């Protein structure tokens, strides 16, 4: 059940991850996989990845401040946009 809670917390703070199953029973989660290509594509550096790690660790705590963590995630993304002028994919979907 903790993995379900973790997935909801990550989605709430804006962190994309995949819950993995390393057993033959696919309904039993065995880990969380977080890829780095999207972050490196943005040009994030060591300090940015440390902040991502801190946000994730805090999200896994007993009483995380999800709104505060989401603000920190959004600040990282604003600091390192996909490319200059990028407004987010959802803004393009409505045009």
C-alpha atoms as a PDB file:
ATOM      1  CA  UNK A   1       0.000   0.000   0.000  1.00  0.00           C
ATOM      2  CA  UNK A   2       2.957   2.333   0.571  1.00  0.00           C
ATOM      3  CA  UNK A   3       3.736   2.282  -3.172  1.00  0.00           C
ATOM      4  CA  UNK A   4       0.229   3.517  -3.972  1.00  0.00           C
ATOM      5  CA  UNK A   5       0.696   6.359  -1.490  1.00  0.00           C
ATOM      6  CA  UNK A   6       4.123   7.086  -2.957  1.00  0.00           C
ATOM      7  CA  UNK A   7       2.738   7.238  -6.501  1.00  0.00           C
ATOM      8  CA  UNK A   8       0.005   9.654  -5.453  1.00  0.00           C
ATOM      9  CA  UNK A   9       2.502  11.836  -3.577  1.00  0.00           C
ATOM     10  CA  UNK A  10       4.871  11.917  -6.553  1.00  0.00           C
ATOM     11  CA  UNK A  11       2.048  12.809  -8.945  1.00  0.00           C
ATOM     12  CA  UNK A  12       0.890  15.551  -6.575  1.00  0.00           C
ATOM     13  CA  UNK A  13       4.323  17.188  -6.409  1.00  0.00           C
ATOM     14  CA  UNK A  14       4.944  16.864 -10.154  1.00  0.00           C
ATOM     15  CA  UNK A  15       7.521  14.056 -10.158  1.00  0.00           C
ATOM     16  CA  UNK A  16       7.023  11.408 -12.839  1.00  0.00           C
ATOM     17  CA  UNK A  17       8.015   7.887 -11.916  1.00  0.00           C
ATOM     18  CA  UNK A  18       7.249   4.280 -12.710  1.00  0.00           C
ATOM     19  CA  UNK A  19       6.389   1.696 -10.094  1.00  0.00           C
ATOM     20  CA  UNK A  20       8.235  -1.462 -11.075  1.00  0.00           C
ATOM     21  CA  UNK A  21       7.493  -5.111 -10.439  1.00  0.00           C
ATOM     22  CA  UNK A  22      10.526  -7.368 -10.262  1.00  0.00           C
ATOM     23  CA  UNK A  23       8.484 -10.456  -9.470  1.00  0.00           C
ATOM     24  CA  UNK A  24       6.387 -12.699 -11.656  1.00  0.00           C
ATOM     25  CA  UNK A  25       3.313 -11.284  -9.897  1.00  0.00           C
ATOM     26  CA  UNK A  26       2.787  -7.958 -11.705  1.00  0.00           C
ATOM     27  CA  UNK A  27       0.440  -6.611  -9.059  1.00  0.00           C
ATOM     28  CA  UNK A  28       3.211  -6.669  -6.431  1.00  0.00           C
ATOM     29  CA  UNK A  29       5.310  -3.519  -6.665  1.00  0.00           C
ATOM     30  CA  UNK A  30       8.976  -3.853  -5.836  1.00  0.00           C
ATOM     31  CA  UNK A  31      10.405  -0.406  -6.495  1.00  0.00           C
ATOM     32  CA  UNK A  32      10.128   3.047  -7.960  1.00  0.00           C
ATOM     33  CA  UNK A  33      12.085   3.932 -11.103  1.00  0.00           C
ATOM     34  CA  UNK A  34      12.848   7.569 -11.805  1.00  0.00           C
ATOM     35  CA  UNK A  35      14.457   8.388 -15.137  1.00  0.00           C
ATOM     36  CA  UNK A  36      16.810  11.303 -15.669  1.00  0.00           C
ATOM     37  CA  UNK A  37      16.617  12.024 -19.442  1.00  0.00           C
ATOM     38  CA  UNK A  38      13.948  14.705 -19.093  1.00  0.00           C
ATOM     39  CA  UNK A  39      15.970  16.492 -16.412  1.00  0.00           C
ATOM     40  CA  UNK A  40      19.263  16.282 -18.305  1.00  0.00           C
ATOM     41  CA  UNK A  41      17.505  17.479 -21.468  1.00  0.00           C
ATOM     42  CA  UNK A  42      16.554  20.595 -19.499  1.00  0.00           C
ATOM     43  CA  UNK A  43      20.201  21.136 -18.583  1.00  0.00           C
ATOM     44  CA  UNK A  44      19.791  20.376 -14.892  1.00  0.00           C
ATOM     45  CA  UNK A  45      23.078  20.146 -13.023  1.00  0.00           C
ATOM     46  CA  UNK A  46      24.323  18.424  -9.867  1.00  0.00           C
ATOM     47  CA  UNK A  47      22.662  20.980  -7.610  1.00  0.00           C
ATOM     48  CA  UNK A  48      19.337  20.542  -9.378  1.00  0.00           C
ATOM     49  CA  UNK A  49      19.523  16.762  -8.991  1.00  0.00           C
ATOM     50  CA  UNK A  50      20.322  17.163  -5.294  1.00  0.00           C
ATOM     51  CA  UNK A  51      17.202  19.299  -4.930  1.00  0.00           C
ATOM     52  CA  UNK A  52      15.165  16.659  -6.789  1.00  0.00           C
ATOM     53  CA  UNK A  53      16.493  14.074  -4.345  1.00  0.00           C
ATOM     54  CA  UNK A  54      15.584  16.234  -1.345  1.00  0.00           C
ATOM     55  CA  UNK A  55      12.068  16.757  -2.707  1.00  0.00           C
ATOM     56  CA  UNK A  56      11.625  13.006  -3.223  1.00  0.00           C
ATOM     57  CA  UNK A  57      12.918  12.143   0.256  1.00  0.00           C
ATOM     58  CA  UNK A  58      10.586  14.685   1.840  1.00  0.00           C
ATOM     59  CA  UNK A  59       7.648  13.365  -0.224  1.00  0.00           C
ATOM     60  CA  UNK A  60       8.284   9.914   1.227  1.00  0.00           C
ATOM     61  CA  UNK A  61       8.164  11.233   4.799  1.00  0.00           C
ATOM     62  CA  UNK A  62       5.335  10.728   7.260  1.00  0.00           C
ATOM     63  CA  UNK A  63       3.651  14.123   6.826  1.00  0.00           C
ATOM     64  CA  UNK A  64       4.969  15.736   3.638  1.00  0.00           C
ATOM     65  CA  UNK A  65       4.009  19.283   2.705  1.00  0.00           C
ATOM     66  CA  UNK A  66       2.905  18.336  -0.805  1.00  0.00           C
ATOM     67  CA  UNK A  67       1.973  21.882  -1.809  1.00  0.00           C
ATOM     68  CA  UNK A  68       5.390  23.152  -0.754  1.00  0.00           C
ATOM     69  CA  UNK A  69       7.140  20.298  -2.531  1.00  0.00           C
ATOM     70  CA  UNK A  70       5.135  20.939  -5.702  1.00  0.00           C
ATOM     71  CA  UNK A  71       6.214  24.593  -5.556  1.00  0.00           C
ATOM     72  CA  UNK A  72       9.841  23.500  -5.344  1.00  0.00           C
ATOM     73  CA  UNK A  73       9.367  21.138  -8.311  1.00  0.00           C
ATOM     74  CA  UNK A  74       7.714  23.896 -10.345  1.00  0.00           C
ATOM     75  CA  UNK A  75      10.553  26.294  -9.466  1.00  0.00           C
ATOM     76  CA  UNK A  76      13.100  23.794 -10.789  1.00  0.00           C
ATOM     77  CA  UNK A  77      11.161  23.416 -14.034  1.00  0.00           C
ATOM     78  CA  UNK A  78      10.795  27.191 -14.400  1.00  0.00           C
ATOM     79  CA  UNK A  79      14.531  27.609 -13.831  1.00  0.00           C
ATOM     80  CA  UNK A  80      15.324  25.047 -16.543  1.00  0.00           C
ATOM     81  CA  UNK A  81      12.602  25.171 -19.240  1.00  0.00           C
ATOM     82  CA  UNK A  82      12.602  22.638 -22.059  1.00  0.00           C
ATOM     83  CA  UNK A  83      13.495  25.487 -24.393  1.00  0.00           C
ATOM     84  CA  UNK A  84      13.120  29.294 -24.251  1.00  0.00           C
ATOM     85  CA  UNK A  85       9.491  30.335 -24.422  1.00  0.00           C
ATOM     86  CA  UNK A  86       8.106  26.869 -23.655  1.00  0.00           C
ATOM     87  CA  UNK A  87       4.795  27.275 -21.771  1.00  0.00           C
ATOM     88  CA  UNK A  88       3.994  23.631 -21.060  1.00  0.00           C
ATOM     89  CA  UNK A  89       2.378  21.058 -23.265  1.00  0.00           C
ATOM     90  CA  UNK A  90      -1.134  21.586 -21.852  1.00  0.00           C
ATOM     91  CA  UNK A  91      -1.210  25.204 -23.063  1.00  0.00           C
ATOM     92  CA  UNK A  92      -0.589  24.008 -26.612  1.00  0.00           C
ATOM     93  CA  UNK A  93      -3.360  21.405 -26.414  1.00  0.00           C
ATOM     94  CA  UNK A  94      -6.047  24.086 -25.953  1.00  0.00           C
ATOM     95  CA  UNK A  95      -5.146  26.166 -29.016  1.00  0.00           C
END
